[in-house]
Amino acid sequence: MTAEKHYEKARAQILKAALPDVPFDGWTGKSMRNAAKKAGVESGLARLAFPGGTTDLVMYFTAQGDKRMAAKLAKADLPAMKVRERITFAVRTRLEVDEENREALRRATAYLALPTSGTAGVRALYGTVDAIWRAAGDTSTDYNFYTKRLILSGVYSSTLAIWFGDDTDGFEKTWTFLDRRIADVMQIEKVKGRAEKIIGALPSPLGLVSRLRYPLGR
């Protein structure tokens, strides 16, 4: 077994052990250490698996959710859907794959929003919306690449906030909200001009987003 596979196995074991306790204890250094101990992962190996500590564990958790979403979408007949339907279905799928981990995801979102998390929250959000667009068949490489992800970031984040507090049957409130948001902003050509004005008023956001498109150094 290669070192990376060894680390990946440790990451998966620690995350699996942490998830039952995170809704109560949150994402903390203590909960991570307890999870490693519960999983039988030696502390030195745990540090090598997650050199960034708790933040790396939270990022791993969100990335695993993105992978489960992508795997589920790969089995769906997305080509038969219109682009707007694909995005709606993909966002819904992303939430559904973590339905059992909803509180853990809520706490992860709150954790990544802390100033101490640095750019981790932006990177996690970018990873999710990029995975959604790629699953939907997006192959753009020009300005559209960035505007699509910027717009979807707002849709996904606002829908996620509704989902966290939704107690309706089958999350009906969330899906109704999602449908409305998609209808409002997923017509890329119509909102492109508005997005360009917003982006132009911000301090070089495309520089940040373009860097997030590729792995960042620690």
N, C-alpha and C. Protein backbone atom coordinates (compact mmCIF):
# COMPACT_ATOMS: atom_id res chain seq x y z
N MET A 1 0.84 -1.19 0.00
CA MET A 1 0.00 0.00 0.00
C MET A 1 0.89 1.25 0.00
N THR A 2 0.62 2.19 -0.94
CA THR A 2 1.39 3.41 -1.00
C THR A 2 1.06 4.29 0.21
N ALA A 3 1.93 5.27 0.46
CA ALA A 3 1.72 6.17 1.60
C ALA A 3 0.40 6.91 1.46
N GLU A 4 0.09 7.39 0.25
CA GLU A 4 -1.15 8.15 0.06
C GLU A 4 -2.38 7.28 0.31
N LYS A 5 -2.33 6.03 -0.14
CA LYS A 5 -3.46 5.14 0.12
C LYS A 5 -3.59 4.86 1.61
N HIS A 6 -2.45 4.78 2.28
CA HIS A 6 -2.45 4.58 3.73
C HIS A 6 -3.09 5.77 4.42
N TYR A 7 -2.76 6.98 3.97
CA TYR A 7 -3.34 8.19 4.54
C TYR A 7 -4.83 8.28 4.24
N GLU A 8 -5.19 7.90 3.02
CA GLU A 8 -6.61 7.96 2.63
C GLU A 8 -7.45 7.01 3.47
N LYS A 9 -6.91 5.84 3.74
CA LYS A 9 -7.61 4.89 4.59
C LYS A 9 -7.81 5.47 5.99
N ALA A 10 -6.77 6.11 6.50
CA ALA A 10 -6.85 6.73 7.83
C ALA A 10 -7.88 7.86 7.83
N ARG A 11 -7.90 8.67 6.77
CA ARG A 11 -8.86 9.77 6.68
C ARG A 11 -10.29 9.24 6.75
N ALA A 12 -10.55 8.20 5.95
CA ALA A 12 -11.89 7.62 5.90
C ALA A 12 -12.30 7.05 7.25
N GLN A 13 -11.37 6.40 7.91
CA GLN A 13 -11.66 5.80 9.22
C GLN A 13 -11.94 6.88 10.27
N ILE A 14 -11.16 7.93 10.26
CA ILE A 14 -11.35 9.01 11.24
C ILE A 14 -12.68 9.73 10.99
N LEU A 15 -12.99 10.02 9.74
CA LEU A 15 -14.25 10.69 9.44
C LEU A 15 -15.44 9.84 9.86
N LYS A 16 -15.39 8.55 9.54
CA LYS A 16 -16.48 7.65 9.91
C LYS A 16 -16.68 7.62 11.42
N ALA A 17 -15.59 7.64 12.16
CA ALA A 17 -15.68 7.60 13.62
C ALA A 17 -16.15 8.93 14.18
N ALA A 18 -15.85 10.03 13.48
CA ALA A 18 -16.19 11.37 13.98
C ALA A 18 -17.66 11.73 13.77
N LEU A 19 -18.24 11.29 12.66
CA LEU A 19 -19.59 11.74 12.28
C LEU A 19 -20.68 11.52 13.34
N PRO A 20 -20.70 10.40 14.06
CA PRO A 20 -21.77 10.24 15.07
C PRO A 20 -21.69 11.25 16.20
N ASP A 21 -20.49 11.77 16.49
CA ASP A 21 -20.32 12.68 17.62
C ASP A 21 -20.32 14.15 17.23
N VAL A 22 -20.04 14.47 15.98
CA VAL A 22 -19.96 15.86 15.55
C VAL A 22 -21.24 16.65 15.81
N PRO A 23 -22.44 16.07 15.60
CA PRO A 23 -23.66 16.84 15.88
C PRO A 23 -23.74 17.33 17.32
N PHE A 24 -23.06 16.66 18.23
CA PHE A 24 -23.10 17.04 19.64
C PHE A 24 -21.85 17.82 20.06
N ASP A 25 -20.70 17.41 19.56
CA ASP A 25 -19.42 18.00 19.99
C ASP A 25 -18.85 19.01 19.03
N GLY A 26 -19.36 19.04 17.80
CA GLY A 26 -18.84 19.95 16.79
C GLY A 26 -17.54 19.44 16.19
N TRP A 27 -17.02 20.24 15.25
CA TRP A 27 -15.73 19.92 14.60
C TRP A 27 -14.63 20.61 15.41
N THR A 28 -13.98 19.87 16.25
CA THR A 28 -12.94 20.43 17.11
C THR A 28 -11.72 19.52 17.10
N GLY A 29 -10.62 20.05 17.62
CA GLY A 29 -9.42 19.23 17.72
C GLY A 29 -9.65 18.04 18.63
N LYS A 30 -10.41 18.27 19.69
CA LYS A 30 -10.69 17.19 20.63
C LYS A 30 -11.52 16.10 19.98
N SER A 31 -12.58 16.49 19.24
CA SER A 31 -13.43 15.49 18.59
C SER A 31 -12.65 14.72 17.54
N MET A 32 -11.70 15.39 16.88
CA MET A 32 -10.88 14.72 15.89
C MET A 32 -9.95 13.71 16.55
N ARG A 33 -9.34 14.10 17.65
CA ARG A 33 -8.46 13.17 18.37
C ARG A 33 -9.24 11.98 18.90
N ASN A 34 -10.43 12.23 19.43
CA ASN A 34 -11.27 11.14 19.93
C ASN A 34 -11.67 10.19 18.81
N ALA A 35 -11.95 10.76 17.63
CA ALA A 35 -12.34 9.93 16.49
C ALA A 35 -11.18 9.06 16.04
N ALA A 36 -9.97 9.64 16.02
CA ALA A 36 -8.80 8.86 15.63
C ALA A 36 -8.58 7.71 16.61
N LYS A 37 -8.73 8.00 17.88
CA LYS A 37 -8.56 6.97 18.90
C LYS A 37 -9.61 5.88 18.75
N LYS A 38 -10.85 6.30 18.52
CA LYS A 38 -11.95 5.34 18.35
C LYS A 38 -11.73 4.46 17.11
N ALA A 39 -11.16 5.07 16.06
CA ALA A 39 -10.92 4.34 14.81
C ALA A 39 -9.65 3.50 14.87
N GLY A 40 -8.88 3.64 15.94
CA GLY A 40 -7.65 2.88 16.06
C GLY A 40 -6.53 3.43 15.20
N VAL A 41 -6.60 4.73 14.88
CA VAL A 41 -5.57 5.37 14.06
C VAL A 41 -4.58 6.06 14.99
N GLU A 42 -3.32 5.68 14.89
CA GLU A 42 -2.27 6.26 15.74
C GLU A 42 -2.18 7.77 15.52
N SER A 43 -1.92 8.52 16.58
CA SER A 43 -1.94 9.98 16.52
C SER A 43 -0.99 10.54 15.47
N GLY A 44 0.18 9.94 15.33
CA GLY A 44 1.13 10.42 14.33
C GLY A 44 0.59 10.26 12.93
N LEU A 45 -0.07 9.15 12.66
CA LEU A 45 -0.66 8.91 11.35
C LEU A 45 -1.81 9.88 11.11
N ALA A 46 -2.58 10.15 12.15
CA ALA A 46 -3.70 11.09 12.02
C ALA A 46 -3.19 12.47 11.63
N ARG A 47 -2.06 12.88 12.20
CA ARG A 47 -1.50 14.19 11.87
C ARG A 47 -0.99 14.23 10.43
N LEU A 48 -0.46 13.12 9.96
CA LEU A 48 0.00 13.06 8.58
C LEU A 48 -1.17 13.03 7.60
N ALA A 49 -2.25 12.37 8.01
CA ALA A 49 -3.44 12.28 7.17
C ALA A 49 -4.13 13.63 7.06
N PHE A 50 -4.13 14.38 8.17
CA PHE A 50 -4.77 15.70 8.21
C PHE A 50 -3.78 16.71 8.77
N PRO A 51 -2.77 17.08 7.98
CA PRO A 51 -1.74 18.01 8.47
C PRO A 51 -2.30 19.37 8.86
N GLY A 52 -3.44 19.74 8.30
CA GLY A 52 -4.07 21.01 8.63
C GLY A 52 -5.03 20.89 9.79
N GLY A 53 -5.02 19.74 10.44
CA GLY A 53 -5.87 19.54 11.61
C GLY A 53 -7.35 19.48 11.29
N THR A 54 -8.15 20.07 12.17
CA THR A 54 -9.61 20.00 12.05
C THR A 54 -10.10 20.56 10.72
N THR A 55 -9.49 21.62 10.25
CA THR A 55 -9.92 22.22 8.98
C THR A 55 -9.79 21.22 7.84
N ASP A 56 -8.70 20.47 7.83
CA ASP A 56 -8.53 19.44 6.79
C ASP A 56 -9.60 18.36 6.90
N LEU A 57 -9.97 18.00 8.12
CA LEU A 57 -11.01 16.99 8.32
C LEU A 57 -12.34 17.49 7.79
N VAL A 58 -12.67 18.74 8.09
CA VAL A 58 -13.93 19.33 7.61
C VAL A 58 -13.93 19.41 6.09
N MET A 59 -12.81 19.82 5.51
CA MET A 59 -12.71 19.89 4.05
C MET A 59 -12.86 18.50 3.43
N TYR A 60 -12.29 17.51 4.08
CA TYR A 60 -12.40 16.13 3.59
C TYR A 60 -13.86 15.67 3.63
N PHE A 61 -14.55 16.03 4.69
CA PHE A 61 -15.97 15.69 4.82
C PHE A 61 -16.80 16.28 3.68
N THR A 62 -16.59 17.56 3.39
CA THR A 62 -17.36 18.19 2.32
C THR A 62 -16.98 17.62 0.96
N ALA A 63 -15.70 17.33 0.77
CA ALA A 63 -15.25 16.76 -0.51
C ALA A 63 -15.83 15.37 -0.73
N GLN A 64 -15.97 14.59 0.35
CA GLN A 64 -16.55 13.26 0.23
C GLN A 64 -18.02 13.36 -0.17
N GLY A 65 -18.70 14.37 0.35
CA GLY A 65 -20.09 14.59 -0.05
C GLY A 65 -20.18 14.93 -1.53
N ASP A 66 -19.25 15.74 -2.01
CA ASP A 66 -19.22 16.08 -3.44
C ASP A 66 -19.00 14.83 -4.29
N LYS A 67 -18.14 13.93 -3.82
CA LYS A 67 -17.87 12.70 -4.56
C LYS A 67 -19.09 11.79 -4.60
N ARG A 68 -19.80 11.70 -3.48
CA ARG A 68 -21.02 10.87 -3.46
C ARG A 68 -22.06 11.45 -4.41
N MET A 69 -22.16 12.77 -4.43
CA MET A 69 -23.08 13.41 -5.36
C MET A 69 -22.71 13.09 -6.80
N ALA A 70 -21.44 13.24 -7.14
CA ALA A 70 -20.98 12.99 -8.51
C ALA A 70 -21.25 11.55 -8.93
N ALA A 71 -21.04 10.62 -8.00
CA ALA A 71 -21.26 9.20 -8.30
C ALA A 71 -22.74 8.94 -8.57
N LYS A 72 -23.59 9.60 -7.80
CA LYS A 72 -25.03 9.41 -7.99
C LYS A 72 -25.49 10.06 -9.29
N LEU A 73 -24.95 11.22 -9.60
CA LEU A 73 -25.33 11.91 -10.83
C LEU A 73 -24.85 11.16 -12.07
N ALA A 74 -23.74 10.45 -11.93
CA ALA A 74 -23.20 9.70 -13.06
C ALA A 74 -24.14 8.58 -13.49
N LYS A 75 -25.01 8.17 -12.58
CA LYS A 75 -25.96 7.10 -12.88
C LYS A 75 -27.29 7.63 -13.40
N ALA A 76 -27.45 8.96 -13.36
CA ALA A 76 -28.71 9.57 -13.82
C ALA A 76 -28.61 9.94 -15.30
N ASP A 77 -29.75 10.09 -15.92
CA ASP A 77 -29.79 10.43 -17.35
C ASP A 77 -29.78 11.95 -17.51
N LEU A 78 -28.68 12.58 -17.13
CA LEU A 78 -28.59 14.03 -17.19
C LEU A 78 -28.68 14.59 -18.61
N PRO A 79 -28.10 13.90 -19.63
CA PRO A 79 -28.18 14.44 -20.99
C PRO A 79 -29.61 14.65 -21.48
N ALA A 80 -30.54 13.89 -20.90
CA ALA A 80 -31.94 14.02 -21.32
C ALA A 80 -32.61 15.23 -20.70
N MET A 81 -31.94 15.87 -19.76
CA MET A 81 -32.51 17.03 -19.07
C MET A 81 -32.00 18.33 -19.67
N LYS A 82 -32.79 19.39 -19.52
CA LYS A 82 -32.33 20.72 -19.87
C LYS A 82 -31.30 21.14 -18.83
N VAL A 83 -30.46 22.10 -19.16
CA VAL A 83 -29.40 22.52 -18.26
C VAL A 83 -29.98 22.96 -16.92
N ARG A 84 -31.05 23.72 -16.94
CA ARG A 84 -31.64 24.20 -15.69
C ARG A 84 -32.11 23.03 -14.84
N GLU A 85 -32.67 21.99 -15.49
CA GLU A 85 -33.13 20.80 -14.76
C GLU A 85 -31.94 20.04 -14.19
N ARG A 86 -30.84 19.99 -14.94
CA ARG A 86 -29.65 19.28 -14.46
C ARG A 86 -29.11 19.95 -13.19
N ILE A 87 -29.04 21.27 -13.20
CA ILE A 87 -28.51 21.99 -12.05
C ILE A 87 -29.43 21.83 -10.84
N THR A 88 -30.71 21.93 -11.06
CA THR A 88 -31.67 21.75 -9.97
C THR A 88 -31.53 20.36 -9.37
N PHE A 89 -31.47 19.36 -10.23
CA PHE A 89 -31.34 17.97 -9.79
C PHE A 89 -30.02 17.76 -9.05
N ALA A 90 -28.95 18.38 -9.55
CA ALA A 90 -27.64 18.21 -8.94
C ALA A 90 -27.58 18.86 -7.56
N VAL A 91 -28.11 20.06 -7.42
CA VAL A 91 -28.11 20.73 -6.11
C VAL A 91 -28.92 19.91 -5.11
N ARG A 92 -30.06 19.45 -5.56
CA ARG A 92 -30.91 18.62 -4.69
C ARG A 92 -30.18 17.33 -4.29
N THR A 93 -29.50 16.72 -5.25
CA THR A 93 -28.76 15.50 -4.97
C THR A 93 -27.65 15.75 -3.96
N ARG A 94 -26.97 16.90 -4.10
CA ARG A 94 -25.87 17.20 -3.17
C ARG A 94 -26.38 17.26 -1.73
N LEU A 95 -27.54 17.83 -1.53
CA LEU A 95 -28.10 17.89 -0.18
C LEU A 95 -28.58 16.51 0.28
N GLU A 96 -29.19 15.78 -0.63
CA GLU A 96 -29.75 14.47 -0.26
C GLU A 96 -28.67 13.47 0.15
N VAL A 97 -27.48 13.54 -0.46
CA VAL A 97 -26.45 12.56 -0.11
C VAL A 97 -25.93 12.79 1.32
N ASP A 98 -26.19 13.97 1.87
CA ASP A 98 -25.78 14.25 3.25
C ASP A 98 -26.98 14.44 4.18
N GLU A 99 -28.11 13.88 3.77
CA GLU A 99 -29.31 14.02 4.60
C GLU A 99 -29.09 13.44 6.00
N GLU A 100 -28.42 12.30 6.07
CA GLU A 100 -28.16 11.69 7.38
C GLU A 100 -27.12 12.47 8.17
N ASN A 101 -26.36 13.30 7.48
CA ASN A 101 -25.31 14.09 8.13
C ASN A 101 -25.66 15.58 8.15
N ARG A 102 -26.95 15.89 8.14
CA ARG A 102 -27.35 17.29 8.00
C ARG A 102 -26.77 18.17 9.10
N GLU A 103 -26.81 17.72 10.34
CA GLU A 103 -26.28 18.52 11.44
C GLU A 103 -24.77 18.64 11.34
N ALA A 104 -24.11 17.57 10.91
CA ALA A 104 -22.66 17.62 10.73
C ALA A 104 -22.30 18.63 9.64
N LEU A 105 -23.09 18.66 8.57
CA LEU A 105 -22.84 19.59 7.48
C LEU A 105 -23.13 21.02 7.92
N ARG A 106 -24.18 21.20 8.73
CA ARG A 106 -24.48 22.54 9.26
C ARG A 106 -23.31 23.04 10.10
N ARG A 107 -22.79 22.18 10.94
CA ARG A 107 -21.66 22.58 11.78
C ARG A 107 -20.40 22.79 10.95
N ALA A 108 -20.25 22.01 9.90
CA ALA A 108 -19.10 22.19 9.01
C ALA A 108 -19.17 23.54 8.32
N THR A 109 -20.36 23.90 7.86
CA THR A 109 -20.56 25.19 7.19
C THR A 109 -20.26 26.35 8.14
N ALA A 110 -20.73 26.22 9.39
CA ALA A 110 -20.46 27.25 10.39
C ALA A 110 -18.97 27.33 10.70
N TYR A 111 -18.33 26.18 10.80
CA TYR A 111 -16.89 26.14 11.09
C TYR A 111 -16.09 26.82 9.98
N LEU A 112 -16.44 26.52 8.73
CA LEU A 112 -15.70 27.07 7.59
C LEU A 112 -15.95 28.57 7.40
N ALA A 113 -17.00 29.08 8.04
CA ALA A 113 -17.30 30.51 7.95
C ALA A 113 -16.48 31.33 8.94
N LEU A 114 -15.82 30.66 9.88
CA LEU A 114 -15.02 31.36 10.88
C LEU A 114 -13.77 31.98 10.24
N PRO A 115 -13.36 33.15 10.70
CA PRO A 115 -12.14 33.78 10.17
C PRO A 115 -10.91 32.88 10.31
N THR A 116 -10.89 32.07 11.35
CA THR A 116 -9.74 31.18 11.57
C THR A 116 -9.62 30.10 10.50
N SER A 117 -10.67 29.90 9.71
CA SER A 117 -10.64 28.88 8.65
C SER A 117 -9.99 29.41 7.38
N GLY A 118 -9.68 30.70 7.34
CA GLY A 118 -9.03 31.27 6.17
C GLY A 118 -9.87 31.12 4.91
N THR A 119 -9.25 30.62 3.84
CA THR A 119 -9.96 30.47 2.56
C THR A 119 -10.63 29.10 2.43
N ALA A 120 -10.61 28.31 3.50
CA ALA A 120 -11.16 26.95 3.41
C ALA A 120 -12.63 26.96 3.02
N GLY A 121 -13.40 27.90 3.56
CA GLY A 121 -14.83 27.96 3.24
C GLY A 121 -15.06 28.25 1.77
N VAL A 122 -14.30 29.18 1.22
CA VAL A 122 -14.41 29.51 -0.21
C VAL A 122 -14.01 28.31 -1.06
N ARG A 123 -12.95 27.62 -0.65
CA ARG A 123 -12.49 26.46 -1.42
C ARG A 123 -13.52 25.33 -1.39
N ALA A 124 -14.14 25.13 -0.22
CA ALA A 124 -15.15 24.07 -0.11
C ALA A 124 -16.36 24.38 -0.97
N LEU A 125 -16.81 25.64 -0.94
CA LEU A 125 -17.96 26.05 -1.75
C LEU A 125 -17.63 25.93 -3.23
N TYR A 126 -16.44 26.39 -3.60
CA TYR A 126 -16.02 26.28 -4.99
C TYR A 126 -15.98 24.83 -5.44
N GLY A 127 -15.46 23.95 -4.58
CA GLY A 127 -15.39 22.53 -4.92
C GLY A 127 -16.75 21.95 -5.21
N THR A 128 -17.74 22.37 -4.43
CA THR A 128 -19.10 21.84 -4.62
C THR A 128 -19.73 22.35 -5.90
N VAL A 129 -19.69 23.66 -6.13
CA VAL A 129 -20.35 24.20 -7.33
C VAL A 129 -19.61 23.77 -8.59
N ASP A 130 -18.31 23.62 -8.51
CA ASP A 130 -17.55 23.15 -9.67
C ASP A 130 -17.93 21.71 -9.99
N ALA A 131 -18.08 20.89 -8.94
CA ALA A 131 -18.47 19.49 -9.14
C ALA A 131 -19.86 19.41 -9.76
N ILE A 132 -20.75 20.30 -9.35
CA ILE A 132 -22.11 20.32 -9.89
C ILE A 132 -22.08 20.68 -11.38
N TRP A 133 -21.36 21.74 -11.73
CA TRP A 133 -21.32 22.15 -13.13
C TRP A 133 -20.64 21.10 -14.01
N ARG A 134 -19.60 20.48 -13.50
CA ARG A 134 -18.92 19.46 -14.29
C ARG A 134 -19.83 18.26 -14.51
N ALA A 135 -20.56 17.87 -13.46
CA ALA A 135 -21.50 16.75 -13.59
C ALA A 135 -22.61 17.09 -14.59
N ALA A 136 -22.94 18.39 -14.66
CA ALA A 136 -23.99 18.83 -15.57
C ALA A 136 -23.50 18.92 -17.01
N GLY A 137 -22.19 18.68 -17.21
CA GLY A 137 -21.65 18.66 -18.56
C GLY A 137 -21.03 19.97 -19.00
N ASP A 138 -20.76 20.88 -18.07
CA ASP A 138 -20.17 22.16 -18.43
C ASP A 138 -18.73 21.98 -18.91
N THR A 139 -18.42 22.53 -20.06
CA THR A 139 -17.06 22.44 -20.61
C THR A 139 -16.49 23.83 -20.90
N SER A 140 -17.11 24.85 -20.38
CA SER A 140 -16.66 26.22 -20.65
C SER A 140 -15.28 26.45 -20.05
N THR A 141 -14.50 27.29 -20.72
CA THR A 141 -13.17 27.64 -20.23
C THR A 141 -12.96 29.15 -20.24
N ASP A 142 -13.96 29.89 -20.74
CA ASP A 142 -13.83 31.34 -20.83
C ASP A 142 -14.47 32.01 -19.61
N TYR A 143 -14.89 33.23 -19.77
CA TYR A 143 -15.49 33.99 -18.67
C TYR A 143 -16.72 33.26 -18.10
N ASN A 144 -17.43 32.54 -18.96
CA ASN A 144 -18.62 31.81 -18.50
C ASN A 144 -18.29 30.83 -17.39
N PHE A 145 -17.08 30.27 -17.43
CA PHE A 145 -16.66 29.31 -16.41
C PHE A 145 -16.82 29.93 -15.03
N TYR A 146 -16.40 31.17 -14.89
CA TYR A 146 -16.43 31.82 -13.59
C TYR A 146 -17.81 32.36 -13.23
N THR A 147 -18.52 32.94 -14.21
CA THR A 147 -19.84 33.49 -13.89
C THR A 147 -20.81 32.39 -13.49
N LYS A 148 -20.72 31.24 -14.15
CA LYS A 148 -21.60 30.13 -13.80
C LYS A 148 -21.38 29.69 -12.36
N ARG A 149 -20.13 29.61 -11.96
CA ARG A 149 -19.82 29.15 -10.60
C ARG A 149 -20.13 30.22 -9.55
N LEU A 150 -19.95 31.47 -9.91
CA LEU A 150 -20.29 32.55 -9.00
C LEU A 150 -21.80 32.57 -8.74
N ILE A 151 -22.58 32.46 -9.80
CA ILE A 151 -24.03 32.48 -9.67
C ILE A 151 -24.53 31.27 -8.88
N LEU A 152 -23.99 30.09 -9.21
CA LEU A 152 -24.44 28.89 -8.52
C LEU A 152 -24.03 28.90 -7.05
N SER A 153 -22.93 29.57 -6.72
CA SER A 153 -22.52 29.67 -5.32
C SER A 153 -23.62 30.31 -4.49
N GLY A 154 -24.23 31.37 -5.04
CA GLY A 154 -25.32 32.03 -4.33
C GLY A 154 -26.54 31.15 -4.21
N VAL A 155 -26.86 30.45 -5.29
CA VAL A 155 -28.02 29.55 -5.27
C VAL A 155 -27.82 28.43 -4.25
N TYR A 156 -26.66 27.80 -4.30
CA TYR A 156 -26.40 26.67 -3.41
C TYR A 156 -26.36 27.11 -1.95
N SER A 157 -25.67 28.22 -1.66
CA SER A 157 -25.54 28.68 -0.28
C SER A 157 -26.89 29.04 0.32
N SER A 158 -27.72 29.74 -0.44
CA SER A 158 -29.03 30.14 0.09
C SER A 158 -29.95 28.93 0.26
N THR A 159 -29.86 27.98 -0.66
CA THR A 159 -30.68 26.77 -0.54
C THR A 159 -30.23 25.94 0.65
N LEU A 160 -28.92 25.86 0.86
CA LEU A 160 -28.37 25.14 2.00
C LEU A 160 -28.89 25.72 3.31
N ALA A 161 -28.95 27.05 3.40
CA ALA A 161 -29.42 27.71 4.61
C ALA A 161 -30.88 27.36 4.89
N ILE A 162 -31.69 27.30 3.84
CA ILE A 162 -33.10 26.93 4.01
C ILE A 162 -33.21 25.48 4.46
N TRP A 163 -32.41 24.62 3.84
CA TRP A 163 -32.44 23.18 4.13
C TRP A 163 -32.10 22.88 5.58
N PHE A 164 -31.14 23.61 6.13
CA PHE A 164 -30.73 23.37 7.51
C PHE A 164 -31.88 23.57 8.50
N GLY A 165 -32.78 24.49 8.19
CA GLY A 165 -33.88 24.75 9.11
C GLY A 165 -35.22 24.22 8.65
N ASP A 166 -35.23 23.42 7.59
CA ASP A 166 -36.48 22.93 7.00
C ASP A 166 -37.01 21.71 7.76
N ASP A 167 -38.22 21.85 8.29
CA ASP A 167 -38.85 20.72 9.00
C ASP A 167 -40.12 20.27 8.29
N THR A 168 -40.28 20.65 7.01
CA THR A 168 -41.45 20.23 6.25
C THR A 168 -41.26 18.81 5.74
N ASP A 169 -42.36 18.15 5.42
CA ASP A 169 -42.29 16.78 4.91
C ASP A 169 -41.50 16.73 3.61
N GLY A 170 -40.51 15.84 3.58
CA GLY A 170 -39.72 15.67 2.37
C GLY A 170 -38.95 16.91 1.95
N PHE A 171 -38.72 17.83 2.89
CA PHE A 171 -38.02 19.09 2.61
C PHE A 171 -38.70 19.87 1.49
N GLU A 172 -40.02 19.85 1.50
CA GLU A 172 -40.78 20.53 0.45
C GLU A 172 -40.44 22.02 0.37
N LYS A 173 -40.27 22.65 1.52
CA LYS A 173 -39.95 24.08 1.54
C LYS A 173 -38.62 24.35 0.81
N THR A 174 -37.65 23.49 1.04
CA THR A 174 -36.33 23.66 0.41
C THR A 174 -36.42 23.52 -1.10
N TRP A 175 -37.10 22.48 -1.56
CA TRP A 175 -37.15 22.23 -3.01
C TRP A 175 -37.96 23.31 -3.72
N THR A 176 -38.99 23.84 -3.06
CA THR A 176 -39.76 24.94 -3.65
C THR A 176 -38.88 26.18 -3.78
N PHE A 177 -38.10 26.43 -2.73
CA PHE A 177 -37.18 27.57 -2.75
C PHE A 177 -36.14 27.39 -3.85
N LEU A 178 -35.59 26.19 -3.96
CA LEU A 178 -34.58 25.90 -4.98
C LEU A 178 -35.14 26.13 -6.38
N ASP A 179 -36.33 25.62 -6.63
CA ASP A 179 -36.95 25.81 -7.95
C ASP A 179 -37.10 27.29 -8.28
N ARG A 180 -37.50 28.06 -7.28
CA ARG A 180 -37.69 29.50 -7.49
C ARG A 180 -36.37 30.20 -7.76
N ARG A 181 -35.34 29.83 -7.00
CA ARG A 181 -34.02 30.44 -7.19
C ARG A 181 -33.44 30.09 -8.56
N ILE A 182 -33.60 28.83 -8.96
CA ILE A 182 -33.08 28.41 -10.26
C ILE A 182 -33.81 29.16 -11.37
N ALA A 183 -35.12 29.31 -11.24
CA ALA A 183 -35.89 30.02 -12.25
C ALA A 183 -35.44 31.48 -12.35
N ASP A 184 -35.03 32.04 -11.24
CA ASP A 184 -34.61 33.44 -11.21
C ASP A 184 -33.23 33.67 -11.82
N VAL A 185 -32.28 32.78 -11.53
CA VAL A 185 -30.90 33.12 -11.89
C VAL A 185 -30.15 32.15 -12.78
N MET A 186 -30.73 31.00 -13.11
CA MET A 186 -29.98 30.04 -13.90
C MET A 186 -29.99 30.31 -15.39
N GLN A 187 -30.63 31.37 -15.82
CA GLN A 187 -30.59 31.73 -17.23
C GLN A 187 -29.33 32.59 -17.41
N ILE A 188 -28.22 31.92 -17.63
CA ILE A 188 -26.91 32.55 -17.60
C ILE A 188 -26.81 33.76 -18.54
N GLU A 189 -27.31 33.66 -19.72
CA GLU A 189 -27.17 34.75 -20.68
C GLU A 189 -27.87 36.02 -20.21
N LYS A 190 -29.01 35.84 -19.51
CA LYS A 190 -29.77 37.00 -19.07
C LYS A 190 -29.13 37.70 -17.89
N VAL A 191 -28.41 36.95 -17.07
CA VAL A 191 -27.82 37.56 -15.88
C VAL A 191 -26.34 37.87 -16.06
N LYS A 192 -25.77 37.49 -17.20
CA LYS A 192 -24.33 37.67 -17.39
C LYS A 192 -23.92 39.13 -17.22
N GLY A 193 -24.69 40.04 -17.83
CA GLY A 193 -24.34 41.45 -17.72
C GLY A 193 -24.37 41.94 -16.29
N ARG A 194 -25.37 41.47 -15.52
CA ARG A 194 -25.48 41.86 -14.12
C ARG A 194 -24.30 41.31 -13.33
N ALA A 195 -23.92 40.06 -13.61
CA ALA A 195 -22.80 39.44 -12.90
C ALA A 195 -21.49 40.16 -13.20
N GLU A 196 -21.33 40.59 -14.46
CA GLU A 196 -20.10 41.29 -14.84
C GLU A 196 -19.96 42.60 -14.07
N LYS A 197 -21.09 43.29 -13.88
CA LYS A 197 -21.06 44.55 -13.14
C LYS A 197 -20.69 44.30 -11.67
N ILE A 198 -21.27 43.24 -11.10
CA ILE A 198 -20.99 42.91 -9.70
C ILE A 198 -19.52 42.55 -9.53
N ILE A 199 -19.04 41.70 -10.44
CA ILE A 199 -17.65 41.26 -10.36
C ILE A 199 -16.70 42.43 -10.56
N GLY A 200 -17.05 43.32 -11.48
CA GLY A 200 -16.18 44.46 -11.74
C GLY A 200 -16.04 45.39 -10.56
N ALA A 201 -17.03 45.38 -9.67
CA ALA A 201 -17.00 46.27 -8.51
C ALA A 201 -16.25 45.67 -7.34
N LEU A 202 -15.89 44.39 -7.45
CA LEU A 202 -15.21 43.71 -6.35
C LEU A 202 -13.70 43.74 -6.55
N PRO A 203 -12.94 43.57 -5.45
CA PRO A 203 -11.47 43.60 -5.53
C PRO A 203 -10.88 42.32 -6.10
N SER A 204 -10.80 42.26 -7.41
CA SER A 204 -10.17 41.16 -8.12
C SER A 204 -10.59 39.78 -7.66
N PRO A 205 -11.91 39.47 -7.67
CA PRO A 205 -12.36 38.16 -7.22
C PRO A 205 -11.97 37.05 -8.17
N LEU A 206 -11.85 37.36 -9.47
CA LEU A 206 -11.51 36.30 -10.41
C LEU A 206 -10.11 35.78 -10.16
N GLY A 207 -9.25 36.65 -9.62
CA GLY A 207 -7.91 36.18 -9.29
C GLY A 207 -7.99 35.10 -8.24
N LEU A 208 -8.85 35.31 -7.22
CA LEU A 208 -9.02 34.32 -6.17
C LEU A 208 -9.65 33.05 -6.71
N VAL A 209 -10.75 33.22 -7.47
CA VAL A 209 -11.46 32.05 -7.98
C VAL A 209 -10.59 31.24 -8.93
N SER A 210 -9.83 31.93 -9.78
CA SER A 210 -8.99 31.20 -10.73
C SER A 210 -7.91 30.42 -10.00
N ARG A 211 -7.41 30.98 -8.89
CA ARG A 211 -6.41 30.24 -8.11
C ARG A 211 -7.05 29.02 -7.46
N LEU A 212 -8.32 29.13 -7.07
CA LEU A 212 -9.00 28.02 -6.42
C LEU A 212 -9.31 26.90 -7.42
N ARG A 213 -9.21 27.22 -8.70
CA ARG A 213 -9.48 26.21 -9.72
C ARG A 213 -8.40 25.15 -9.71
N TYR A 214 -7.24 25.53 -9.17
CA TYR A 214 -6.10 24.61 -9.10
C TYR A 214 -5.70 24.42 -7.65
N PRO A 215 -5.04 23.33 -7.31
CA PRO A 215 -4.64 23.07 -5.92
C PRO A 215 -3.81 24.21 -5.36
N LEU A 216 -4.11 24.57 -4.13
CA LEU A 216 -3.36 25.63 -3.47
C LEU A 216 -2.27 25.03 -2.62
N GLY A 217 -1.18 25.70 -2.54
CA GLY A 217 -0.13 25.25 -1.63
C GLY A 217 -0.52 25.57 -0.22
N ARG A 218 0.01 24.83 0.72
CA ARG A 218 -0.33 25.08 2.12
C ARG A 218 0.44 26.30 2.63
